[in-house]
Amino acid sequence: MSAPEPPLTQPGGAQPPLNRPDSQGFDPQQPPAQKLLDACVHCGFCLATCPSYRVIGKETDSPRGRIYLMNGINKGEIPLTATTAQHFDSCLGCLACVTTCPSGVQYDQLIAATRPQIERNHQRPISDLALRTLIFNLFPYPQRLRSILPLLWLYQRSGLQSVLQSTGMLNRLFPRLGAMESMLPKVTAAAFRDQLPRLIPAQGERRYRVGMILGCVQRLFFSPVNAATVRVLTANGCEVVIPPDQGCCAALPAHQGQQAQAQNLARQMIDAFAQTPVDAVIINAAGCGHTLKEYGALLADDPAYQAKAKQFAAQVQDVHEFLATKDHSSPL
C-alpha cells in the first residue's frame, strides 16, 4: 500500500513565473544568497572532483563556473537563457565539490536555490517539457511505476530489448529515452508487490525501534537491497517499522527544481511517519537521504510543517550512519 497519488501535472505547473517574460533573470523568491556566492574564491579545487567538468571540459560546467553564472544572473549582468540553463542542468548534484572546497562554499544550497528559479523563469523546449512531464509524473509514484511493469517485463522477455539495443535505433531516434533504457534494471517477480511487512521484529532482544523508507524505484527494482538492510537491522536488535502509506522522499523533483511537487511529497512523508514513534528513520539510498535531511529547508516557509519537518529531518539516518554508532550484536 502506498499513499494516494495526485493527478498528472506539468513540471513547475504550481510555480508561476514571478519575473516578467522579458526579464531573463532570477525572481525575488529565494534566489541564490549573495553571501554564499561571495564565499567562492575561484581556486579551482572543485574541478578535479566534478564529473560534469571532467567529461565536458568546459569551465561553465564546473561548480566554479556555475557559481560565476549564478552571480552574474543575480546581479543582472548575465541573462537566464537556454544557454546558461543548460550549464546548471548538466550538474549531477553529486556534491563532491562541497567536501573538496577548502573555503567551505555551500554549493549544495546554491544549486538547490537555482534550480527552482530556472523552472519558474526559463521556458523549456516542448521536447524537454514532454520528457520532464513523463519523469515527474511517473518515477516519484511507485504505484504508477508498478502499473507499467508488465509492459517492461514483456519488453525484456520478448527479445525486443535486445533487438533495439543491437540496432541502436532508439538511441538515434530518441537519445534521451535510449539513455534511460540502457539503465533499465531487469524486471523480476519481486517488483510486482512490496516484499516487506509493516513490522519486522528484532532478532533477540529489541534495543531500537526504527522506521524505514522503501523508496520509489528502490522498492520495485532493487528490493533485495531493502531486504538486506532489514536483515542487518534486525540482526542488531532493531525492530523495523514500515509505514504502508509512505510515498516518495521528494529527491527527484527537489533535485530538479520542482519545488511545489517536492514540498507536497515531503509533507506526505512526514504525515506517514507522524503516528510512528521511532528512534531513527532509516534510508539506504544516498540521494534520498540528502533530501530527507533537507526537509527543514524545503518546508521552511510552511508554518504548518516547518517544525515537523525539522523534527523529522533530525531523525533521518543512513543505515551505515546509524549502525556506526551502535554496539553490534552480529558481525556486519
C-alpha atoms as a PDB file:
ATOM      1  CA  MET A   1       0.000   0.000   0.000  1.00  0.00           C
ATOM      2  CA  SER A   2       1.231   3.468  -0.752  1.00  0.00           C
ATOM      3  CA  ALA A   3      -0.031   6.991  -0.371  1.00  0.00           C
ATOM      4  CA  PRO A   4      -2.728   8.362  -2.723  1.00  0.00           C
ATOM      5  CA  GLU A   5      -1.240   9.795  -5.863  1.00  0.00           C
ATOM      6  CA  PRO A   6      -2.139  13.212  -7.285  1.00  0.00           C
ATOM      7  CA  PRO A   7      -3.366  13.833 -10.835  1.00  0.00           C
ATOM      8  CA  LEU A   8      -0.887  14.323 -13.652  1.00  0.00           C
ATOM      9  CA  THR A   9       0.673  17.769 -13.724  1.00  0.00           C
ATOM     10  CA  GLN A  10       3.051  19.757 -15.833  1.00  0.00           C
ATOM     11  CA  PRO A  11       6.547  20.302 -14.402  1.00  0.00           C
ATOM     12  CA  GLY A  12       6.595  23.516 -12.427  1.00  0.00           C
ATOM     13  CA  GLY A  13       2.877  23.978 -13.074  1.00  0.00           C
ATOM     14  CA  ALA A  14       2.220  25.078  -9.491  1.00  0.00           C
ATOM     15  CA  GLN A  15       5.007  27.632  -9.599  1.00  0.00           C
ATOM     16  CA  PRO A  16       4.062  30.545 -11.876  1.00  0.00           C
ATOM     17  CA  PRO A  17       6.933  32.771 -13.030  1.00  0.00           C
ATOM     18  CA  LEU A  18       7.463  35.792 -10.804  1.00  0.00           C
ATOM     19  CA  ASN A  19       9.587  37.600 -13.389  1.00  0.00           C
ATOM     20  CA  ARG A  20       8.344  39.326 -16.486  1.00  0.00           C
ATOM     21  CA  PRO A  21       8.875  37.109 -19.557  1.00  0.00           C
ATOM     22  CA  ASP A  22      11.490  39.532 -20.872  1.00  0.00           C
ATOM     23  CA  SER A  23      13.470  39.958 -17.649  1.00  0.00           C
ATOM     24  CA  GLN A  24      15.522  36.762 -18.083  1.00  0.00           C
ATOM     25  CA  GLY A  25      16.796  36.668 -14.508  1.00  0.00           C
ATOM     26  CA  PHE A  26      16.134  35.307 -11.057  1.00  0.00           C
ATOM     27  CA  ASP A  27      12.954  36.356  -9.298  1.00  0.00           C
ATOM     28  CA  PRO A  28      12.813  37.609  -5.659  1.00  0.00           C
ATOM     29  CA  GLN A  29      11.669  34.242  -4.296  1.00  0.00           C
ATOM     30  CA  GLN A  30      14.745  32.788  -2.579  1.00  0.00           C
ATOM     31  CA  PRO A  31      17.419  33.373  -5.232  1.00  0.00           C
ATOM     32  CA  PRO A  32      20.962  32.091  -4.511  1.00  0.00           C
ATOM     33  CA  ALA A  33      22.200  34.012  -1.467  1.00  0.00           C
ATOM     34  CA  GLN A  34      24.810  36.593  -2.397  1.00  0.00           C
ATOM     35  CA  LYS A  35      26.868  35.906   0.722  1.00  0.00           C
ATOM     36  CA  LEU A  36      27.140  32.243  -0.295  1.00  0.00           C
ATOM     37  CA  LEU A  37      28.168  33.223  -3.819  1.00  0.00           C
ATOM     38  CA  ASP A  38      30.816  35.590  -2.457  1.00  0.00           C
ATOM     39  CA  ALA A  39      32.369  32.749  -0.425  1.00  0.00           C
ATOM     40  CA  CYS A  40      33.790  31.211  -3.611  1.00  0.00           C
ATOM     41  CA  VAL A  41      37.383  32.381  -4.212  1.00  0.00           C
ATOM     42  CA  HIS A  42      37.565  30.599  -7.599  1.00  0.00           C
ATOM     43  CA  CYS A  43      40.551  28.494  -6.545  1.00  0.00           C
ATOM     44  CA  GLY A  44      39.607  25.578  -8.795  1.00  0.00           C
ATOM     45  CA  PHE A  45      39.930  22.760  -6.254  1.00  0.00           C
ATOM     46  CA  CYS A  46      36.413  21.659  -7.235  1.00  0.00           C
ATOM     47  CA  LEU A  47      37.339  20.985 -10.858  1.00  0.00           C
ATOM     48  CA  ALA A  48      39.089  17.679 -10.274  1.00  0.00           C
ATOM     49  CA  THR A  49      36.133  16.204  -8.382  1.00  0.00           C
ATOM     50  CA  CYS A  50      33.337  17.450 -10.673  1.00  0.00           C
ATOM     51  CA  PRO A  51      32.181  14.687 -13.063  1.00  0.00           C
ATOM     52  CA  SER A  52      30.465  17.062 -15.499  1.00  0.00           C
ATOM     53  CA  TYR A  53      33.581  19.208 -15.827  1.00  0.00           C
ATOM     54  CA  ARG A  54      35.802  16.168 -16.294  1.00  0.00           C
ATOM     55  CA  VAL A  55      33.580  14.842 -19.093  1.00  0.00           C
ATOM     56  CA  ILE A  56      32.508  18.074 -20.811  1.00  0.00           C
ATOM     57  CA  GLY A  57      35.672  20.039 -20.105  1.00  0.00           C
ATOM     58  CA  LYS A  58      34.036  23.472 -20.006  1.00  0.00           C
ATOM     59  CA  GLU A  59      34.538  25.946 -17.181  1.00  0.00           C
ATOM     60  CA  THR A  60      30.819  26.754 -17.231  1.00  0.00           C
ATOM     61  CA  ASP A  61      30.056  23.089 -16.486  1.00  0.00           C
ATOM     62  CA  SER A  62      32.071  23.162 -13.256  1.00  0.00           C
ATOM     63  CA  PRO A  63      30.940  24.282  -9.785  1.00  0.00           C
ATOM     64  CA  ARG A  64      33.192  27.339 -10.021  1.00  0.00           C
ATOM     65  CA  GLY A  65      31.788  28.257 -13.413  1.00  0.00           C
ATOM     66  CA  ARG A  66      28.190  27.750 -12.317  1.00  0.00           C
ATOM     67  CA  ILE A  67      28.742  29.984  -9.303  1.00  0.00           C
ATOM     68  CA  TYR A  68      30.115  32.634 -11.655  1.00  0.00           C
ATOM     69  CA  LEU A  69      26.929  32.329 -13.745  1.00  0.00           C
ATOM     70  CA  MET A  70      24.696  32.473 -10.657  1.00  0.00           C
ATOM     71  CA  ASN A  71      26.471  35.606  -9.501  1.00  0.00           C
ATOM     72  CA  GLY A  72      26.108  37.251 -12.893  1.00  0.00           C
ATOM     73  CA  ILE A  73      22.405  36.434 -13.112  1.00  0.00           C
ATOM     74  CA  ASN A  74      21.890  37.632  -9.538  1.00  0.00           C
ATOM     75  CA  LYS A  75      23.437  40.987 -10.441  1.00  0.00           C
ATOM     76  CA  GLY A  76      21.659  41.280 -13.789  1.00  0.00           C
ATOM     77  CA  GLU A  77      24.914  41.014 -15.738  1.00  0.00           C
ATOM     78  CA  ILE A  78      24.142  37.635 -17.336  1.00  0.00           C
ATOM     79  CA  PRO A  79      20.694  36.623 -18.666  1.00  0.00           C
ATOM     80  CA  LEU A  80      18.974  33.382 -17.692  1.00  0.00           C
ATOM     81  CA  THR A  81      18.661  31.797 -21.121  1.00  0.00           C
ATOM     82  CA  ALA A  82      18.705  28.329 -22.650  1.00  0.00           C
ATOM     83  CA  THR A  83      22.491  28.595 -22.878  1.00  0.00           C
ATOM     84  CA  THR A  84      23.020  29.382 -19.203  1.00  0.00           C
ATOM     85  CA  ALA A  85      20.283  26.974 -18.053  1.00  0.00           C
ATOM     86  CA  GLN A  86      21.972  24.019 -19.732  1.00  0.00           C
ATOM     87  CA  HIS A  87      25.074  24.514 -17.612  1.00  0.00           C
ATOM     88  CA  PHE A  88      23.003  24.192 -14.458  1.00  0.00           C
ATOM     89  CA  ASP A  89      21.178  21.193 -15.927  1.00  0.00           C
ATOM     90  CA  SER A  90      24.486  19.418 -16.505  1.00  0.00           C
ATOM     91  CA  CYS A  91      25.190  19.377 -12.753  1.00  0.00           C
ATOM     92  CA  LEU A  92      24.620  15.860 -11.421  1.00  0.00           C
ATOM     93  CA  GLY A  93      24.120  17.089  -7.873  1.00  0.00           C
ATOM     94  CA  CYS A  94      26.725  14.661  -6.537  1.00  0.00           C
ATOM     95  CA  LEU A  95      28.080  17.452  -4.282  1.00  0.00           C
ATOM     96  CA  ALA A  96      31.628  16.091  -4.369  1.00  0.00           C
ATOM     97  CA  CYS A  97      32.705  19.717  -4.704  1.00  0.00           C
ATOM     98  CA  VAL A  98      31.266  20.559  -1.288  1.00  0.00           C
ATOM     99  CA  THR A  99      33.612  18.234   0.578  1.00  0.00           C
ATOM    100  CA  THR A 100      36.553  19.251  -1.623  1.00  0.00           C
ATOM    101  CA  CYS A 101      36.215  23.032  -1.293  1.00  0.00           C
ATOM    102  CA  PRO A 102      38.827  24.491   1.097  1.00  0.00           C
ATOM    103  CA  SER A 103      36.723  27.644   1.519  1.00  0.00           C
ATOM    104  CA  GLY A 104      33.616  25.785   2.663  1.00  0.00           C
ATOM    105  CA  VAL A 105      31.450  27.059  -0.197  1.00  0.00           C
ATOM    106  CA  GLN A 106      27.917  25.727   0.239  1.00  0.00           C
ATOM    107  CA  TYR A 107      27.363  24.791  -3.383  1.00  0.00           C
ATOM    108  CA  ASP A 108      24.567  22.417  -2.359  1.00  0.00           C
ATOM    109  CA  GLN A 109      22.490  25.353  -1.138  1.00  0.00           C
ATOM    110  CA  LEU A 110      23.354  27.418  -4.189  1.00  0.00           C
ATOM    111  CA  ILE A 111      22.321  24.826  -6.761  1.00  0.00           C
ATOM    112  CA  ALA A 112      19.210  23.993  -4.714  1.00  0.00           C
ATOM    113  CA  ALA A 113      18.161  27.658  -4.876  1.00  0.00           C
ATOM    114  CA  THR A 114      18.989  27.958  -8.574  1.00  0.00           C
ATOM    115  CA  ARG A 115      17.010  25.016  -9.926  1.00  0.00           C
ATOM    116  CA  PRO A 116      13.536  26.306  -8.916  1.00  0.00           C
ATOM    117  CA  GLN A 117      14.488  29.695 -10.380  1.00  0.00           C
ATOM    118  CA  ILE A 118      15.172  28.031 -13.729  1.00  0.00           C
ATOM    119  CA  GLU A 119      11.843  26.196 -13.677  1.00  0.00           C
ATOM    120  CA  ARG A 120       9.933  29.387 -12.910  1.00  0.00           C
ATOM    121  CA  ASN A 121      11.780  31.784 -15.172  1.00  0.00           C
ATOM    122  CA  HIS A 122      13.015  29.785 -18.154  1.00  0.00           C
ATOM    123  CA  GLN A 123      10.764  28.421 -20.877  1.00  0.00           C
ATOM    124  CA  ARG A 124      11.973  24.979 -21.847  1.00  0.00           C
ATOM    125  CA  PRO A 125      11.537  23.494 -25.343  1.00  0.00           C
ATOM    126  CA  ILE A 126       8.498  21.280 -25.917  1.00  0.00           C
ATOM    127  CA  SER A 127      10.669  18.151 -26.117  1.00  0.00           C
ATOM    128  CA  ASP A 128      12.183  18.910 -22.707  1.00  0.00           C
ATOM    129  CA  LEU A 129       8.779  19.590 -21.180  1.00  0.00           C
ATOM    130  CA  ALA A 130       7.363  16.324 -22.559  1.00  0.00           C
ATOM    131  CA  LEU A 131      10.186  14.232 -21.135  1.00  0.00           C
ATOM    132  CA  ARG A 132      10.155  16.012 -17.783  1.00  0.00           C
ATOM    133  CA  THR A 133       6.360  15.644 -17.554  1.00  0.00           C
ATOM    134  CA  LEU A 134       6.778  11.901 -18.066  1.00  0.00           C
ATOM    135  CA  ILE A 135       9.541  11.625 -15.471  1.00  0.00           C
ATOM    136  CA  PHE A 136       7.954  13.750 -12.738  1.00  0.00           C
ATOM    137  CA  ASN A 137       4.542  12.113 -13.111  1.00  0.00           C
ATOM    138  CA  LEU A 138       5.879   8.568 -13.111  1.00  0.00           C
ATOM    139  CA  PHE A 139       9.037   7.920 -11.102  1.00  0.00           C
ATOM    140  CA  PRO A 140       8.054   9.554  -7.766  1.00  0.00           C
ATOM    141  CA  TYR A 141       4.872   7.438  -7.611  1.00  0.00           C
ATOM    142  CA  PRO A 142       5.510   3.705  -7.021  1.00  0.00           C
ATOM    143  CA  GLN A 143       2.004   2.575  -7.957  1.00  0.00           C
ATOM    144  CA  ARG A 144       2.128   4.377 -11.285  1.00  0.00           C
ATOM    145  CA  LEU A 145       5.550   2.944 -11.970  1.00  0.00           C
ATOM    146  CA  ARG A 146       4.367  -0.517 -10.970  1.00  0.00           C
ATOM    147  CA  SER A 147       1.462  -0.271 -13.413  1.00  0.00           C
ATOM    148  CA  ILE A 148       3.849  -0.254 -16.381  1.00  0.00           C
ATOM    149  CA  LEU A 149       5.978  -3.147 -15.102  1.00  0.00           C
ATOM    150  CA  PRO A 150       4.073  -5.762 -17.168  1.00  0.00           C
ATOM    151  CA  LEU A 151       4.965  -3.844 -20.323  1.00  0.00           C
ATOM    152  CA  LEU A 152       8.613  -3.589 -19.280  1.00  0.00           C
ATOM    153  CA  TRP A 153       8.700  -7.292 -18.399  1.00  0.00           C
ATOM    154  CA  LEU A 154       7.247  -8.185 -21.792  1.00  0.00           C
ATOM    155  CA  TYR A 155       9.686  -5.820 -23.490  1.00  0.00           C
ATOM    156  CA  GLN A 156      12.618  -7.608 -21.890  1.00  0.00           C
ATOM    157  CA  ARG A 157      11.349 -11.185 -22.170  1.00  0.00           C
ATOM    158  CA  SER A 158      10.127 -10.884 -25.779  1.00  0.00           C
ATOM    159  CA  GLY A 159      13.574 -10.054 -27.098  1.00  0.00           C
ATOM    160  CA  LEU A 160      12.527  -6.603 -28.275  1.00  0.00           C
ATOM    161  CA  GLN A 161      15.017  -5.003 -25.911  1.00  0.00           C
ATOM    162  CA  SER A 162      17.901  -6.983 -27.423  1.00  0.00           C
ATOM    163  CA  VAL A 163      16.817  -6.049 -30.936  1.00  0.00           C
ATOM    164  CA  LEU A 164      16.572  -2.319 -30.192  1.00  0.00           C
ATOM    165  CA  GLN A 165      19.883  -2.295 -28.365  1.00  0.00           C
ATOM    166  CA  SER A 166      21.667  -4.138 -31.153  1.00  0.00           C
ATOM    167  CA  THR A 167      20.353  -1.794 -33.852  1.00  0.00           C
ATOM    168  CA  GLY A 168      20.875   1.399 -31.844  1.00  0.00           C
ATOM    169  CA  MET A 169      17.587   2.668 -33.268  1.00  0.00           C
ATOM    170  CA  LEU A 170      16.266   4.070 -30.006  1.00  0.00           C
ATOM    171  CA  ASN A 171      19.477   5.994 -29.400  1.00  0.00           C
ATOM    172  CA  ARG A 172      19.309   7.521 -32.860  1.00  0.00           C
ATOM    173  CA  LEU A 173      15.635   8.490 -32.753  1.00  0.00           C
ATOM    174  CA  PHE A 174      15.219   9.344 -29.075  1.00  0.00           C
ATOM    175  CA  PRO A 175      18.669   9.648 -27.473  1.00  0.00           C
ATOM    176  CA  ARG A 176      17.375  10.594 -24.027  1.00  0.00           C
ATOM    177  CA  LEU A 177      14.968   7.669 -23.892  1.00  0.00           C
ATOM    178  CA  GLY A 178      17.776   5.497 -25.195  1.00  0.00           C
ATOM    179  CA  ALA A 179      19.991   6.576 -22.316  1.00  0.00           C
ATOM    180  CA  MET A 180      17.215   5.798 -19.830  1.00  0.00           C
ATOM    181  CA  GLU A 181      16.524   2.430 -21.453  1.00  0.00           C
ATOM    182  CA  SER A 182      20.180   1.452 -21.213  1.00  0.00           C
ATOM    183  CA  MET A 183      19.916   1.705 -17.416  1.00  0.00           C
ATOM    184  CA  LEU A 184      16.668  -0.273 -17.120  1.00  0.00           C
ATOM    185  CA  PRO A 185      17.144  -2.991 -14.473  1.00  0.00           C
ATOM    186  CA  LYS A 186      15.810  -6.472 -15.063  1.00  0.00           C
ATOM    187  CA  VAL A 187      12.146  -6.731 -14.097  1.00  0.00           C
ATOM    188  CA  THR A 188      11.626  -9.642 -11.712  1.00  0.00           C
ATOM    189  CA  ALA A 189       8.606 -11.098  -9.937  1.00  0.00           C
ATOM    190  CA  ALA A 190       9.631  -9.270  -6.752  1.00  0.00           C
ATOM    191  CA  ALA A 191       8.952  -5.933  -8.429  1.00  0.00           C
ATOM    192  CA  PHE A 192       5.209  -6.552  -8.686  1.00  0.00           C
ATOM    193  CA  ARG A 193       4.495  -6.311  -4.963  1.00  0.00           C
ATOM    194  CA  ASP A 194       6.133  -4.986  -1.818  1.00  0.00           C
ATOM    195  CA  GLN A 195       8.122  -7.756  -0.178  1.00  0.00           C
ATOM    196  CA  LEU A 196       8.333  -6.473   3.385  1.00  0.00           C
ATOM    197  CA  PRO A 197       5.607  -6.475   6.080  1.00  0.00           C
ATOM    198  CA  ARG A 198       4.700  -3.401   8.092  1.00  0.00           C
ATOM    199  CA  LEU A 199       6.525  -4.621  11.194  1.00  0.00           C
ATOM    200  CA  ILE A 200       9.643  -6.808  11.343  1.00  0.00           C
ATOM    201  CA  PRO A 201      10.660  -7.851  14.881  1.00  0.00           C
ATOM    202  CA  ALA A 202      14.212  -7.675  16.128  1.00  0.00           C
ATOM    203  CA  GLN A 203      16.243 -10.856  16.370  1.00  0.00           C
ATOM    204  CA  GLY A 204      16.678 -11.449  20.064  1.00  0.00           C
ATOM    205  CA  GLU A 205      16.350  -8.525  22.452  1.00  0.00           C
ATOM    206  CA  ARG A 206      14.845  -5.371  20.964  1.00  0.00           C
ATOM    207  CA  ARG A 207      17.251  -2.477  21.525  1.00  0.00           C
ATOM    208  CA  TYR A 208      15.933   0.032  18.997  1.00  0.00           C
ATOM    209  CA  ARG A 209      12.784   0.779  17.049  1.00  0.00           C
ATOM    210  CA  VAL A 210      13.427   2.292  13.647  1.00  0.00           C
ATOM    211  CA  GLY A 211      11.298   3.333  10.710  1.00  0.00           C
ATOM    212  CA  MET A 212      12.436   2.503   7.205  1.00  0.00           C
ATOM    213  CA  ILE A 213      11.832   4.251   3.893  1.00  0.00           C
ATOM    214  CA  LEU A 214      11.453   1.894   0.943  1.00  0.00           C
ATOM    215  CA  GLY A 215      11.996   4.395  -1.852  1.00  0.00           C
ATOM    216  CA  CYS A 216      10.232   4.510  -5.222  1.00  0.00           C
ATOM    217  CA  VAL A 217      12.485   2.869  -7.797  1.00  0.00           C
ATOM    218  CA  GLN A 218      14.305   1.092  -4.959  1.00  0.00           C
ATOM    219  CA  ARG A 219      11.309  -0.891  -3.773  1.00  0.00           C
ATOM    220  CA  LEU A 220      10.439  -2.028  -7.298  1.00  0.00           C
ATOM    221  CA  PHE A 221      13.761  -2.726  -8.981  1.00  0.00           C
ATOM    222  CA  PHE A 222      16.193  -3.120  -6.082  1.00  0.00           C
ATOM    223  CA  SER A 223      14.061  -4.742  -3.384  1.00  0.00           C
ATOM    224  CA  PRO A 224      16.903  -7.122  -2.376  1.00  0.00           C
ATOM    225  CA  VAL A 225      18.771  -4.043  -1.081  1.00  0.00           C
ATOM    226  CA  ASN A 226      15.834  -3.208   1.189  1.00  0.00           C
ATOM    227  CA  ALA A 227      15.585  -6.827   2.327  1.00  0.00           C
ATOM    228  CA  ALA A 228      19.313  -6.917   3.129  1.00  0.00           C
ATOM    229  CA  THR A 229      19.002  -3.652   5.059  1.00  0.00           C
ATOM    230  CA  VAL A 230      16.210  -5.113   7.177  1.00  0.00           C
ATOM    231  CA  ARG A 231      18.213  -8.282   7.869  1.00  0.00           C
ATOM    232  CA  VAL A 232      21.184  -6.278   9.136  1.00  0.00           C
ATOM    233  CA  LEU A 233      18.998  -4.013  11.269  1.00  0.00           C
ATOM    234  CA  THR A 234      17.013  -6.814  12.872  1.00  0.00           C
ATOM    235  CA  ALA A 235      20.199  -8.838  13.487  1.00  0.00           C
ATOM    236  CA  ASN A 236      21.445  -5.898  15.524  1.00  0.00           C
ATOM    237  CA  GLY A 237      18.434  -5.553  17.776  1.00  0.00           C
ATOM    238  CA  CYS A 238      16.236  -3.252  15.691  1.00  0.00           C
ATOM    239  CA  GLU A 239      12.505  -3.598  15.355  1.00  0.00           C
ATOM    240  CA  VAL A 240      11.777  -2.220  11.874  1.00  0.00           C
ATOM    241  CA  VAL A 241       8.545  -0.353  11.152  1.00  0.00           C
ATOM    242  CA  ILE A 242       7.497   0.352   7.549  1.00  0.00           C
ATOM    243  CA  PRO A 243       4.529   2.761   7.331  1.00  0.00           C
ATOM    244  CA  PRO A 244       2.373   1.474   4.455  1.00  0.00           C
ATOM    245  CA  ASP A 245       1.283   4.897   3.205  1.00  0.00           C
ATOM    246  CA  GLN A 246       4.771   6.304   2.700  1.00  0.00           C
ATOM    247  CA  GLY A 247       5.456   7.691  -0.766  1.00  0.00           C
ATOM    248  CA  CYS A 248       8.404   9.345  -2.453  1.00  0.00           C
ATOM    249  CA  CYS A 249      11.104  11.095  -0.422  1.00  0.00           C
ATOM    250  CA  ALA A 250      10.913  14.031  -2.913  1.00  0.00           C
ATOM    251  CA  ALA A 251      14.530  13.737  -4.041  1.00  0.00           C
ATOM    252  CA  LEU A 252      13.831  13.589  -7.784  1.00  0.00           C
ATOM    253  CA  PRO A 253      11.628  16.699  -8.002  1.00  0.00           C
ATOM    254  CA  ALA A 254      13.676  18.564  -5.388  1.00  0.00           C
ATOM    255  CA  HIS A 255      16.908  17.965  -7.294  1.00  0.00           C
ATOM    256  CA  GLN A 256      15.301  19.253 -10.489  1.00  0.00           C
ATOM    257  CA  GLY A 257      13.679  22.398  -9.164  1.00  0.00           C
ATOM    258  CA  GLN A 258      10.118  21.081  -8.939  1.00  0.00           C
ATOM    259  CA  GLN A 259       9.630  22.838  -5.636  1.00  0.00           C
ATOM    260  CA  ALA A 260       5.859  22.563  -5.237  1.00  0.00           C
ATOM    261  CA  GLN A 261       5.828  18.844  -6.010  1.00  0.00           C
ATOM    262  CA  ALA A 262       8.788  18.227  -3.715  1.00  0.00           C
ATOM    263  CA  GLN A 263       7.085  20.061  -0.866  1.00  0.00           C
ATOM    264  CA  ASN A 264       3.870  18.066  -1.296  1.00  0.00           C
ATOM    265  CA  LEU A 265       5.769  14.780  -1.254  1.00  0.00           C
ATOM    266  CA  ALA A 266       7.743  15.869   1.819  1.00  0.00           C
ATOM    267  CA  ARG A 267       4.538  16.679   3.691  1.00  0.00           C
ATOM    268  CA  GLN A 268       3.152  13.280   2.715  1.00  0.00           C
ATOM    269  CA  MET A 269       6.249  11.506   4.027  1.00  0.00           C
ATOM    270  CA  ILE A 270       6.148  13.413   7.321  1.00  0.00           C
ATOM    271  CA  ASP A 271       2.474  12.538   7.771  1.00  0.00           C
ATOM    272  CA  ALA A 272       3.177   8.867   7.024  1.00  0.00           C
ATOM    273  CA  PHE A 273       5.565   8.672   9.987  1.00  0.00           C
ATOM    274  CA  ALA A 274       3.617  11.033  12.270  1.00  0.00           C
ATOM    275  CA  GLN A 275       1.963   8.236  14.250  1.00  0.00           C
ATOM    276  CA  THR A 276       5.045   6.011  14.286  1.00  0.00           C
ATOM    277  CA  PRO A 277       7.360   6.782  17.216  1.00  0.00           C
ATOM    278  CA  VAL A 278      10.858   5.575  16.327  1.00  0.00           C
ATOM    279  CA  ASP A 279      14.444   6.120  17.404  1.00  0.00           C
ATOM    280  CA  ALA A 280      15.515   6.862  13.834  1.00  0.00           C
ATOM    281  CA  VAL A 281      14.203   6.933  10.286  1.00  0.00           C
ATOM    282  CA  ILE A 282      16.474   4.729   8.175  1.00  0.00           C
ATOM    283  CA  ILE A 283      17.293   5.251   4.497  1.00  0.00           C
ATOM    284  CA  ASN A 284      19.714   3.241   2.341  1.00  0.00           C
ATOM    285  CA  ALA A 285      19.927   5.480  -0.749  1.00  0.00           C
ATOM    286  CA  ALA A 286      22.247   8.495  -0.654  1.00  0.00           C
ATOM    287  CA  GLY A 287      20.224  10.840  -2.863  1.00  0.00           C
ATOM    288  CA  CYS A 288      17.075  10.144  -0.890  1.00  0.00           C
ATOM    289  CA  GLY A 289      18.899  10.605   2.397  1.00  0.00           C
ATOM    290  CA  HIS A 290      20.264  14.003   1.392  1.00  0.00           C
ATOM    291  CA  THR A 291      16.787  15.283   0.549  1.00  0.00           C
ATOM    292  CA  LEU A 292      15.173  13.813   3.659  1.00  0.00           C
ATOM    293  CA  LYS A 293      17.704  15.657   5.800  1.00  0.00           C
ATOM    294  CA  GLU A 294      16.848  18.894   3.996  1.00  0.00           C
ATOM    295  CA  TYR A 295      13.121  18.822   4.814  1.00  0.00           C
ATOM    296  CA  GLY A 296      13.597  21.676   7.265  1.00  0.00           C
ATOM    297  CA  ALA A 297      14.875  23.925   4.464  1.00  0.00           C
ATOM    298  CA  LEU A 298      12.394  22.582   1.907  1.00  0.00           C
ATOM    299  CA  LEU A 299       9.421  23.436   4.132  1.00  0.00           C
ATOM    300  CA  ALA A 300      10.932  26.451   5.871  1.00  0.00           C
ATOM    301  CA  ASP A 301       8.143  28.733   4.619  1.00  0.00           C
ATOM    302  CA  ASP A 302       5.316  26.399   5.615  1.00  0.00           C
ATOM    303  CA  PRO A 303       4.130  27.374   9.106  1.00  0.00           C
ATOM    304  CA  ALA A 304       2.114  24.169   9.464  1.00  0.00           C
ATOM    305  CA  TYR A 305       5.065  21.894   8.684  1.00  0.00           C
ATOM    306  CA  GLN A 306       8.182  23.894   9.488  1.00  0.00           C
ATOM    307  CA  ALA A 307       8.700  22.469  12.986  1.00  0.00           C
ATOM    308  CA  LYS A 308       7.570  18.974  11.992  1.00  0.00           C
ATOM    309  CA  ALA A 309       9.947  18.992   9.031  1.00  0.00           C
ATOM    310  CA  LYS A 310      12.938  19.870  11.213  1.00  0.00           C
ATOM    311  CA  GLN A 311      11.995  17.217  13.753  1.00  0.00           C
ATOM    312  CA  PHE A 312      11.604  14.581  11.034  1.00  0.00           C
ATOM    313  CA  ALA A 313      14.881  15.535   9.317  1.00  0.00           C
ATOM    314  CA  ALA A 314      16.717  15.240  12.648  1.00  0.00           C
ATOM    315  CA  GLN A 315      15.642  11.579  12.859  1.00  0.00           C
ATOM    316  CA  VAL A 316      16.838  10.600   9.389  1.00  0.00           C
ATOM    317  CA  GLN A 317      19.997   8.488   9.250  1.00  0.00           C
ATOM    318  CA  ASP A 318      21.636   6.452   6.540  1.00  0.00           C
ATOM    319  CA  VAL A 319      21.709   2.805   7.608  1.00  0.00           C
ATOM    320  CA  HIS A 320      25.524   2.889   7.779  1.00  0.00           C
ATOM    321  CA  GLU A 321      25.444   6.136   9.748  1.00  0.00           C
ATOM    322  CA  PHE A 322      23.027   4.572  12.241  1.00  0.00           C
ATOM    323  CA  LEU A 323      24.915   1.305  12.697  1.00  0.00           C
ATOM    324  CA  ALA A 324      28.293   3.019  13.003  1.00  0.00           C
ATOM    325  CA  THR A 325      27.252   4.482  16.354  1.00  0.00           C
ATOM    326  CA  LYS A 326      25.810   1.268  17.793  1.00  0.00           C
ATOM    327  CA  ASP A 327      27.261  -1.782  19.517  1.00  0.00           C
ATOM    328  CA  HIS A 328      26.823  -4.623  17.067  1.00  0.00           C
ATOM    329  CA  SER A 329      25.251  -7.839  18.272  1.00  0.00           C
ATOM    330  CA  SER A 330      26.045  -9.515  14.963  1.00  0.00           C
ATOM    331  CA  PRO A 331      29.015  -9.271  12.574  1.00  0.00           C
ATOM    332  CA  LEU A 332      28.302  -6.839   9.751  1.00  0.00           C
END
